[in-house]
């Protein structure tokens, strides 16, 4: 397959160079570099070798889609189980009183008829900024000697 140089205007080139220099995501910067290399007239085989990616990736993903391939696509996965309303309820309940995760789960189930895993709940609370801290009792001796009501032991011989 013979490809001609990818036609880019000067404004497009400048914008792409800015994305390479100031882009937040390294994947997007890498994809922009690929498009710029195509625009410079390099062959796909050379680009794949230079960037250490598969030739199929260069052809199918980036060249076929052009500028649309730069941005990350939405990742797959299960749909979100906790809506904004559920999160607001959890935030309110957790702020009002100290409840354990199982107690919050039971309250959520009773109120919203929503069944989720405890880890999902914990993750959501952690994202909201809640932290679990255990109360620890100190076993340090106080500076003042304790006064005991026990009689002192005396030695008899």
Foldseek 3Di string as FASTA:
>chain_A
DDDFADDDDPVRVVVLVCCLVDPDDPQLNLLSVLNVCSNVGDDLVVSCVVSVHDSCCSPPQRPVVPPVSNDDDDDDDDDDQQDPVNLVVLVVVVVVDPDDLVVSQVVCCVPVVGHDDSVSVVVSCVVVPDDDDDDDDDPDDDPDDDDDPDDDDDDDD
